[in-house]
Amino acid sequence: MNVLVDIVSGALMLVGAVFVLLACLGLLRFDDLFSRVHSATKAITFGMALAMVGAALQLTQAVDIVRLLLAVALQLVSAPVSSHIVARAAYHAGTELSPLTSVDELVDHDEQVDPRVE
């Protein structure tokens, strides 16, 4: 049983580390702030959660397990909210969108120009 827990724990921590690595690559590869914020929030939060759950499987005291799970819960709550605030502030500050962005859903409808109307 102990070997199985070690294997599952190691696998969770390894997969978590891979998600964090992919998020770091996304920060380098994506071309605008909004895509980078998405990469930094989603993949790093998921990777950190997997790594901490894997670490919690190795612990024996309930207090330590609760602390790790509380850290995971706080990360799952705070990271999306903070990234949303950063992205909104950047948008309202005038940060340029990627050239690949086809629809801007935050633009004021009075200012939006329909390309079909001449």
Protein backbone atom coordinates (compact mmCIF):
# COMPACT_ATOMS: atom_id res chain seq x y z
CA MET A 1 0.00 0.00 0.00
CA ASN A 2 2.83 2.40 0.85
CA VAL A 3 4.48 1.83 -2.54
CA LEU A 4 1.20 2.60 -4.32
CA VAL A 5 0.83 5.88 -2.41
CA ASP A 6 4.43 6.78 -3.30
CA ILE A 7 3.81 6.09 -6.99
CA VAL A 8 0.55 8.09 -7.08
CA SER A 9 2.14 10.93 -5.11
CA GLY A 10 5.16 11.05 -7.38
CA ALA A 11 2.99 10.96 -10.49
CA LEU A 12 0.83 13.83 -9.23
CA MET A 13 3.88 15.94 -8.41
CA LEU A 14 5.47 15.15 -11.78
CA VAL A 15 2.33 16.01 -13.75
CA GLY A 16 1.98 19.19 -11.68
CA ALA A 17 5.55 20.16 -12.51
CA VAL A 18 4.88 19.53 -16.22
CA PHE A 19 1.84 21.84 -16.10
CA VAL A 20 3.92 24.57 -14.46
CA LEU A 21 6.61 24.11 -17.13
CA LEU A 22 4.01 24.37 -19.90
CA ALA A 23 2.62 27.52 -18.31
CA CYS A 24 6.10 29.03 -18.28
CA LEU A 25 6.51 28.18 -21.95
CA GLY A 26 3.13 29.81 -22.59
CA LEU A 27 4.37 32.97 -20.93
CA LEU A 28 7.24 33.04 -23.39
CA ARG A 29 5.33 32.02 -26.52
CA PHE A 30 2.02 33.90 -26.30
CA ASP A 31 1.98 37.28 -27.99
CA ASP A 32 -0.27 39.49 -25.84
CA LEU A 33 -0.82 40.15 -22.17
CA PHE A 34 -4.25 38.56 -22.07
CA SER A 35 -3.04 35.21 -23.39
CA ARG A 36 -0.12 35.31 -20.98
CA VAL A 37 -2.38 36.01 -18.02
CA HIS A 38 -4.54 33.07 -19.07
CA SER A 39 -1.51 30.79 -19.25
CA ALA A 40 -0.14 31.97 -15.93
CA THR A 41 -3.45 31.49 -14.16
CA LYS A 42 -4.94 28.28 -15.47
CA ALA A 43 -1.96 26.01 -15.93
CA ILE A 44 0.07 27.16 -12.95
CA THR A 45 -2.92 26.91 -10.61
CA PHE A 46 -3.71 23.39 -11.81
CA GLY A 47 -0.07 22.32 -11.67
CA MET A 48 0.39 23.72 -8.18
CA ALA A 49 -2.79 21.99 -7.00
CA LEU A 50 -1.61 18.64 -8.37
CA ALA A 51 1.82 19.02 -6.79
CA MET A 52 0.37 19.94 -3.40
CA VAL A 53 -2.12 17.08 -3.43
CA GLY A 54 0.76 14.77 -4.26
CA ALA A 55 2.75 16.22 -1.37
CA ALA A 56 -0.26 15.87 0.95
CA LEU A 57 -0.35 12.14 0.22
CA GLN A 58 3.14 11.86 1.70
CA LEU A 59 2.25 13.59 4.96
CA THR A 60 1.05 11.75 8.05
CA GLN A 61 -0.19 14.52 10.35
CA ALA A 62 -3.65 15.88 9.70
CA VAL A 63 -2.61 19.45 10.50
CA ASP A 64 -0.06 19.48 7.69
CA ILE A 65 -2.50 17.96 5.21
CA VAL A 66 -5.14 20.55 6.08
CA ARG A 67 -2.57 23.34 5.61
CA LEU A 68 -1.67 22.10 2.14
CA LEU A 69 -5.29 21.65 1.11
CA LEU A 70 -6.08 25.13 2.45
CA ALA A 71 -3.25 26.54 0.34
CA VAL A 72 -4.71 24.78 -2.71
CA ALA A 73 -8.19 26.16 -1.97
CA LEU A 74 -6.89 29.69 -1.51
CA GLN A 75 -4.92 29.46 -4.77
CA LEU A 76 -7.98 28.20 -6.64
CA VAL A 77 -9.99 31.15 -5.34
CA SER A 78 -7.45 33.96 -5.53
CA ALA A 79 -5.58 33.30 -8.79
CA PRO A 80 -8.56 33.61 -11.19
CA VAL A 81 -9.83 36.72 -9.42
CA SER A 82 -6.46 38.45 -9.44
CA SER A 83 -5.79 37.59 -13.08
CA HIS A 84 -9.21 38.91 -14.04
CA ILE A 85 -8.48 42.19 -12.26
CA VAL A 86 -5.08 42.50 -13.95
CA ALA A 87 -6.55 41.77 -17.39
CA ARG A 88 -9.40 44.27 -16.92
CA ALA A 89 -6.99 46.96 -15.74
CA ALA A 90 -4.69 46.29 -18.70
CA TYR A 91 -7.61 46.44 -21.13
CA HIS A 92 -8.87 49.75 -19.74
CA ALA A 93 -5.31 51.12 -19.78
CA GLY A 94 -5.26 50.57 -23.53
CA THR A 95 -3.10 47.46 -23.88
CA GLU A 96 -3.16 46.28 -27.48
CA LEU A 97 -4.88 43.05 -28.34
CA SER A 98 -3.21 40.34 -30.37
CA PRO A 99 -3.57 40.72 -34.14
CA LEU A 100 -5.24 37.31 -34.07
CA THR A 101 -8.10 38.60 -31.88
CA SER A 102 -11.22 38.70 -34.02
CA VAL A 103 -13.89 39.79 -31.53
CA ASP A 104 -13.52 42.34 -28.76
CA GLU A 105 -16.44 41.69 -26.43
CA LEU A 106 -15.50 44.48 -24.03
CA VAL A 107 -15.65 47.31 -26.56
CA ASP A 108 -18.48 49.75 -26.01
CA HIS A 109 -21.36 48.86 -28.33
CA ASP A 110 -21.74 52.49 -29.38
CA GLU A 111 -18.11 52.56 -30.53
CA GLN A 112 -18.16 49.18 -32.25
CA VAL A 113 -18.20 49.42 -36.00
CA ASP A 114 -19.87 46.73 -38.00
CA PRO A 115 -17.53 45.81 -40.90
CA ARG A 116 -20.51 44.92 -43.10
CA VAL A 117 -21.87 48.48 -42.96
CA GLU A 118 -20.16 51.00 -45.22
